[in-house]
Amino acid sequence: MGHARGEVVLEGRVLVVKRIAVTYTGLDVADEDAEKVQRVLAVHADGCPVARSIRGSIDITTRLG
């Protein structure tokens, strides 16, 4: 499970999404796997079609919640 929160700003008279922060929740990660999970989160956007499509236009961050 998780949730995403977008930051929207007004540019002229148009609302524009500038940032999306994704937080993954409900994951049961053992202490010894925490570093591995952080590495996966750091690179997973490279394999996400949506993230790749908006790269350069909208900043995306991910974290465990």
PDB file of N, CA and C in Angstrom:
ATOM      1  N   MET A   1       0.846  -1.173   0.000  1.00  0.00           N
ATOM      2  CA  MET A   1       0.000   0.000   0.000  1.00  0.00           C
ATOM      3  C   MET A   1       0.892   1.236   0.000  1.00  0.00           C
ATOM      4  N   GLY A   2       0.282   2.332  -0.275  1.00  0.00           N
ATOM      5  CA  GLY A   2       1.019   3.580  -0.250  1.00  0.00           C
ATOM      6  C   GLY A   2       0.126   4.725  -0.651  1.00  0.00           C
ATOM      7  N   HIS A   3       0.726   5.876  -0.675  1.00  0.00           N
ATOM      8  CA  HIS A   3      -0.009   7.047  -1.139  1.00  0.00           C
ATOM      9  C   HIS A   3       0.954   8.007  -1.813  1.00  0.00           C
ATOM     10  N   ALA A   4       0.368   8.862  -2.620  1.00  0.00           N
ATOM     11  CA  ALA A   4       1.162   9.868  -3.332  1.00  0.00           C
ATOM     12  C   ALA A   4       0.561  11.239  -3.054  1.00  0.00           C
ATOM     13  N   ARG A   5       1.428  12.199  -2.928  1.00  0.00           N
ATOM     14  CA  ARG A   5       0.990  13.571  -2.698  1.00  0.00           C
ATOM     15  C   ARG A   5       1.667  14.446  -3.748  1.00  0.00           C
ATOM     16  N   GLY A   6       0.870  15.234  -4.442  1.00  0.00           N
ATOM     17  CA  GLY A   6       1.400  16.116  -5.460  1.00  0.00           C
ATOM     18  C   GLY A   6       1.458  17.549  -4.974  1.00  0.00           C
ATOM     19  N   GLU A   7       2.443  18.265  -5.445  1.00  0.00           N
ATOM     20  CA  GLU A   7       2.538  19.701  -5.167  1.00  0.00           C
ATOM     21  C   GLU A   7       2.148  20.431  -6.442  1.00  0.00           C
ATOM     22  N   VAL A   8       1.088  21.214  -6.336  1.00  0.00           N
ATOM     23  CA  VAL A   8       0.540  21.929  -7.480  1.00  0.00           C
ATOM     24  C   VAL A   8       0.749  23.420  -7.256  1.00  0.00           C
ATOM     25  N   VAL A   9       1.211  24.103  -8.293  1.00  0.00           N
ATOM     26  CA  VAL A   9       1.424  25.553  -8.207  1.00  0.00           C
ATOM     27  C   VAL A   9       0.654  26.236  -9.334  1.00  0.00           C
ATOM     28  N   LEU A  10       0.380  27.488  -9.121  1.00  0.00           N
ATOM     29  CA  LEU A  10      -0.311  28.287 -10.124  1.00  0.00           C
ATOM     30  C   LEU A  10       0.734  28.999 -10.978  1.00  0.00           C
ATOM     31  N   GLU A  11       0.734  28.712 -12.266  1.00  0.00           N
ATOM     32  CA  GLU A  11       1.608  29.388 -13.218  1.00  0.00           C
ATOM     33  C   GLU A  11       0.714  30.183 -14.155  1.00  0.00           C
ATOM     34  N   GLY A  12       0.743  31.493 -13.975  1.00  0.00           N
ATOM     35  CA  GLY A  12      -0.212  32.314 -14.720  1.00  0.00           C
ATOM     36  C   GLY A  12      -1.601  32.004 -14.185  1.00  0.00           C
ATOM     37  N   ARG A  13      -2.436  31.445 -15.042  1.00  0.00           N
ATOM     38  CA  ARG A  13      -3.771  31.047 -14.610  1.00  0.00           C
ATOM     39  C   ARG A  13      -3.977  29.546 -14.759  1.00  0.00           C
ATOM     40  N   VAL A  14      -2.869  28.809 -14.752  1.00  0.00           N
ATOM     41  CA  VAL A  14      -2.937  27.361 -14.952  1.00  0.00           C
ATOM     42  C   VAL A  14      -2.306  26.647 -13.757  1.00  0.00           C
ATOM     43  N   LEU A  15      -2.992  25.632 -13.234  1.00  0.00           N
ATOM     44  CA  LEU A  15      -2.423  24.796 -12.176  1.00  0.00           C
ATOM     45  C   LEU A  15      -1.469  23.792 -12.805  1.00  0.00           C
ATOM     46  N   VAL A  16      -0.262  23.677 -12.251  1.00  0.00           N
ATOM     47  CA  VAL A  16       0.769  22.800 -12.800  1.00  0.00           C
ATOM     48  C   VAL A  16       1.323  21.925 -11.673  1.00  0.00           C
ATOM     49  N   VAL A  17       1.427  20.616 -11.923  1.00  0.00           N
ATOM     50  CA  VAL A  17       2.025  19.695 -10.956  1.00  0.00           C
ATOM     51  C   VAL A  17       3.537  19.837 -11.056  1.00  0.00           C
ATOM     52  N   LYS A  18       4.189  20.135  -9.934  1.00  0.00           N
ATOM     53  CA  LYS A  18       5.643  20.317  -9.907  1.00  0.00           C
ATOM     54  C   LYS A  18       6.360  19.140  -9.276  1.00  0.00           C
ATOM     55  N   ARG A  19       5.756  18.533  -8.235  1.00  0.00           N
ATOM     56  CA  ARG A  19       6.404  17.450  -7.505  1.00  0.00           C
ATOM     57  C   ARG A  19       5.375  16.396  -7.093  1.00  0.00           C
ATOM     58  N   ILE A  20       5.840  15.158  -7.045  1.00  0.00           N
ATOM     59  CA  ILE A  20       5.032  14.058  -6.527  1.00  0.00           C
ATOM     60  C   ILE A  20       5.897  13.301  -5.527  1.00  0.00           C
ATOM     61  N   ALA A  21       5.366  13.137  -4.320  1.00  0.00           N
ATOM     62  CA  ALA A  21       6.058  12.375  -3.276  1.00  0.00           C
ATOM     63  C   ALA A  21       5.259  11.099  -3.012  1.00  0.00           C
ATOM     64  N   VAL A  22       5.892   9.952  -3.245  1.00  0.00           N
ATOM     65  CA  VAL A  22       5.250   8.658  -3.039  1.00  0.00           C
ATOM     66  C   VAL A  22       5.776   8.058  -1.745  1.00  0.00           C
ATOM     67  N   THR A  23       4.856   7.632  -0.888  1.00  0.00           N
ATOM     68  CA  THR A  23       5.221   6.985   0.368  1.00  0.00           C
ATOM     69  C   THR A  23       4.610   5.591   0.379  1.00  0.00           C
ATOM     70  N   TYR A  24       5.466   4.595   0.504  1.00  0.00           N
ATOM     71  CA  TYR A  24       5.009   3.209   0.594  1.00  0.00           C
ATOM     72  C   TYR A  24       4.793   2.875   2.068  1.00  0.00           C
ATOM     73  N   THR A  25       3.612   2.365   2.388  1.00  0.00           N
ATOM     74  CA  THR A  25       3.286   2.023   3.768  1.00  0.00           C
ATOM     75  C   THR A  25       2.859   0.560   3.843  1.00  0.00           C
ATOM     76  N   GLY A  26       2.889   0.040   5.054  1.00  0.00           N
ATOM     77  CA  GLY A  26       2.429  -1.329   5.266  1.00  0.00           C
ATOM     78  C   GLY A  26       3.407  -2.396   4.826  1.00  0.00           C
ATOM     79  N   LEU A  27       4.630  -2.008   4.500  1.00  0.00           N
ATOM     80  CA  LEU A  27       5.630  -3.002   4.114  1.00  0.00           C
ATOM     81  C   LEU A  27       6.347  -3.493   5.366  1.00  0.00           C
ATOM     82  N   ASP A  28       6.406  -4.780   5.509  1.00  0.00           N
ATOM     83  CA  ASP A  28       7.104  -5.379   6.643  1.00  0.00           C
ATOM     84  C   ASP A  28       8.537  -5.669   6.210  1.00  0.00           C
ATOM     85  N   VAL A  29       9.443  -4.774   6.519  1.00  0.00           N
ATOM     86  CA  VAL A  29      10.828  -4.910   6.088  1.00  0.00           C
ATOM     87  C   VAL A  29      11.692  -5.252   7.296  1.00  0.00           C
ATOM     88  N   ALA A  30      12.373  -6.379   7.207  1.00  0.00           N
ATOM     89  CA  ALA A  30      13.288  -6.774   8.277  1.00  0.00           C
ATOM     90  C   ALA A  30      14.457  -5.797   8.316  1.00  0.00           C
ATOM     91  N   ASP A  31      14.991  -5.568   9.490  1.00  0.00           N
ATOM     92  CA  ASP A  31      16.103  -4.625   9.649  1.00  0.00           C
ATOM     93  C   ASP A  31      17.252  -4.923   8.692  1.00  0.00           C
ATOM     94  N   GLU A  32      17.546  -6.193   8.509  1.00  0.00           N
ATOM     95  CA  GLU A  32      18.683  -6.552   7.648  1.00  0.00           C
ATOM     96  C   GLU A  32      18.392  -6.284   6.162  1.00  0.00           C
ATOM     97  N   ASP A  33      17.129  -6.053   5.800  1.00  0.00           N
ATOM     98  CA  ASP A  33      16.772  -5.778   4.410  1.00  0.00           C
ATOM     99  C   ASP A  33      16.530  -4.288   4.139  1.00  0.00           C
ATOM    100  N   ALA A  34      16.586  -3.451   5.145  1.00  0.00           N
ATOM    101  CA  ALA A  34      16.253  -2.033   4.996  1.00  0.00           C
ATOM    102  C   ALA A  34      17.139  -1.340   3.961  1.00  0.00           C
ATOM    103  N   GLU A  35      18.428  -1.617   3.979  1.00  0.00           N
ATOM    104  CA  GLU A  35      19.344  -0.984   3.027  1.00  0.00           C
ATOM    105  C   GLU A  35      19.019  -1.414   1.599  1.00  0.00           C
ATOM    106  N   LYS A  36      18.696  -2.677   1.415  1.00  0.00           N
ATOM    107  CA  LYS A  36      18.343  -3.205   0.095  1.00  0.00           C
ATOM    108  C   LYS A  36      17.071  -2.522  -0.430  1.00  0.00           C
ATOM    109  N   VAL A  37      16.090  -2.357   0.439  1.00  0.00           N
ATOM    110  CA  VAL A  37      14.841  -1.711   0.046  1.00  0.00           C
ATOM    111  C   VAL A  37      15.100  -0.251  -0.345  1.00  0.00           C
ATOM    112  N   GLN A  38      15.945   0.437   0.387  1.00  0.00           N
ATOM    113  CA  GLN A  38      16.279   1.824   0.050  1.00  0.00           C
ATOM    114  C   GLN A  38      16.943   1.917  -1.323  1.00  0.00           C
ATOM    115  N   ARG A  39      17.793   0.957  -1.648  1.00  0.00           N
ATOM    116  CA  ARG A  39      18.441   0.947  -2.968  1.00  0.00           C
ATOM    117  C   ARG A  39      17.406   0.748  -4.076  1.00  0.00           C
ATOM    118  N   VAL A  40      16.447  -0.135  -3.835  1.00  0.00           N
ATOM    119  CA  VAL A  40      15.391  -0.380  -4.825  1.00  0.00           C
ATOM    120  C   VAL A  40      14.562   0.883  -5.028  1.00  0.00           C
ATOM    121  N   LEU A  41      14.186   1.543  -3.942  1.00  0.00           N
ATOM    122  CA  LEU A  41      13.405   2.775  -4.057  1.00  0.00           C
ATOM    123  C   LEU A  41      14.161   3.842  -4.838  1.00  0.00           C
ATOM    124  N   ALA A  42      15.472   3.875  -4.690  1.00  0.00           N
ATOM    125  CA  ALA A  42      16.280   4.888  -5.360  1.00  0.00           C
ATOM    126  C   ALA A  42      16.294   4.712  -6.882  1.00  0.00           C
ATOM    127  N   VAL A  43      16.074   3.503  -7.365  1.00  0.00           N
ATOM    128  CA  VAL A  43      16.165   3.267  -8.814  1.00  0.00           C
ATOM    129  C   VAL A  43      14.856   2.832  -9.462  1.00  0.00           C
ATOM    130  N   HIS A  44      13.811   2.624  -8.681  1.00  0.00           N
ATOM    131  CA  HIS A  44      12.599   2.045  -9.278  1.00  0.00           C
ATOM    132  C   HIS A  44      11.945   2.958 -10.311  1.00  0.00           C
ATOM    133  N   ALA A  45      12.101   4.266 -10.204  1.00  0.00           N
ATOM    134  CA  ALA A  45      11.490   5.174 -11.182  1.00  0.00           C
ATOM    135  C   ALA A  45      12.035   4.937 -12.589  1.00  0.00           C
ATOM    136  N   ASP A  46      13.263   4.429 -12.689  1.00  0.00           N
ATOM    137  CA  ASP A  46      13.839   4.139 -14.007  1.00  0.00           C
ATOM    138  C   ASP A  46      13.049   3.073 -14.756  1.00  0.00           C
ATOM    139  N   GLY A  47      12.338   2.199 -14.030  1.00  0.00           N
ATOM    140  CA  GLY A  47      11.561   1.142 -14.661  1.00  0.00           C
ATOM    141  C   GLY A  47      10.066   1.416 -14.691  1.00  0.00           C
ATOM    142  N   CYS A  48       9.659   2.611 -14.278  1.00  0.00           N
ATOM    143  CA  CYS A  48       8.241   2.963 -14.231  1.00  0.00           C
ATOM    144  C   CYS A  48       7.878   3.791 -15.462  1.00  0.00           C
ATOM    145  N   PRO A  49       6.939   3.312 -16.289  1.00  0.00           N
ATOM    146  CA  PRO A  49       6.579   4.048 -17.499  1.00  0.00           C
ATOM    147  C   PRO A  49       6.089   5.473 -17.222  1.00  0.00           C
ATOM    148  N   VAL A  50       5.307   5.658 -16.178  1.00  0.00           N
ATOM    149  CA  VAL A  50       4.797   6.997 -15.879  1.00  0.00           C
ATOM    150  C   VAL A  50       5.937   7.914 -15.444  1.00  0.00           C
ATOM    151  N   ALA A  51       6.781   7.422 -14.546  1.00  0.00           N
ATOM    152  CA  ALA A  51       7.910   8.232 -14.079  1.00  0.00           C
ATOM    153  C   ALA A  51       8.823   8.611 -15.233  1.00  0.00           C
ATOM    154  N   ARG A  52       9.062   7.679 -16.119  1.00  0.00           N
ATOM    155  CA  ARG A  52       9.929   7.973 -17.269  1.00  0.00           C
ATOM    156  C   ARG A  52       9.286   8.987 -18.216  1.00  0.00           C
ATOM    157  N   SER A  53       7.963   8.931 -18.334  1.00  0.00           N
ATOM    158  CA  SER A  53       7.251   9.838 -19.231  1.00  0.00           C
ATOM    159  C   SER A  53       7.292  11.279 -18.747  1.00  0.00           C
ATOM    160  N   ILE A  54       7.292  11.474 -17.429  1.00  0.00           N
ATOM    161  CA  ILE A  54       7.240  12.837 -16.899  1.00  0.00           C
ATOM    162  C   ILE A  54       8.584  13.319 -16.372  1.00  0.00           C
ATOM    163  N   ARG A  55       9.609  12.497 -16.508  1.00  0.00           N
ATOM    164  CA  ARG A  55      10.948  12.877 -16.048  1.00  0.00           C
ATOM    165  C   ARG A  55      11.359  14.205 -16.678  1.00  0.00           C
ATOM    166  N   GLY A  56      11.911  15.062 -15.867  1.00  0.00           N
ATOM    167  CA  GLY A  56      12.323  16.364 -16.350  1.00  0.00           C
ATOM    168  C   GLY A  56      11.243  17.420 -16.204  1.00  0.00           C
ATOM    169  N   SER A  57      10.004  16.989 -16.089  1.00  0.00           N
ATOM    170  CA  SER A  57       8.892  17.926 -15.920  1.00  0.00           C
ATOM    171  C   SER A  57       8.396  17.980 -14.483  1.00  0.00           C
ATOM    172  N   ILE A  58       8.347  16.806 -13.858  1.00  0.00           N
ATOM    173  CA  ILE A  58       7.832  16.694 -12.484  1.00  0.00           C
ATOM    174  C   ILE A  58       8.837  15.888 -11.672  1.00  0.00           C
ATOM    175  N   ASP A  59       9.243  16.430 -10.537  1.00  0.00           N
ATOM    176  CA  ASP A  59      10.158  15.720  -9.635  1.00  0.00           C
ATOM    177  C   ASP A  59       9.376  14.659  -8.868  1.00  0.00           C
ATOM    178  N   ILE A  60       9.918  13.446  -8.808  1.00  0.00           N
ATOM    179  CA  ILE A  60       9.282  12.358  -8.071  1.00  0.00           C
ATOM    180  C   ILE A  60      10.236  11.865  -7.008  1.00  0.00           C
ATOM    181  N   THR A  61       9.742  11.745  -5.781  1.00  0.00           N
ATOM    182  CA  THR A  61      10.523  11.167  -4.689  1.00  0.00           C
ATOM    183  C   THR A  61       9.751   9.996  -4.109  1.00  0.00           C
ATOM    184  N   THR A  62      10.489   9.032  -3.567  1.00  0.00           N
ATOM    185  CA  THR A  62       9.862   7.881  -2.930  1.00  0.00           C
ATOM    186  C   THR A  62      10.497   7.640  -1.577  1.00  0.00           C
ATOM    187  N   ARG A  63       9.719   7.080  -0.659  1.00  0.00           N
ATOM    188  CA  ARG A  63      10.247   6.729   0.653  1.00  0.00           C
ATOM    189  C   ARG A  63       9.353   5.694   1.295  1.00  0.00           C
ATOM    190  N   LEU A  64       9.876   5.034   2.292  1.00  0.00           N
ATOM    191  CA  LEU A  64       9.089   4.120   3.106  1.00  0.00           C
ATOM    192  C   LEU A  64       8.433   4.929   4.213  1.00  0.00           C
ATOM    193  N   GLY A  65       7.178   4.613   4.508  1.00  0.00           N
ATOM    194  CA  GLY A  65       6.451   5.347   5.548  1.00  0.00           C
ATOM    195  C   GLY A  65       6.283   4.540   6.797  1.00  0.00           C
TER     196      GLY A  65
END
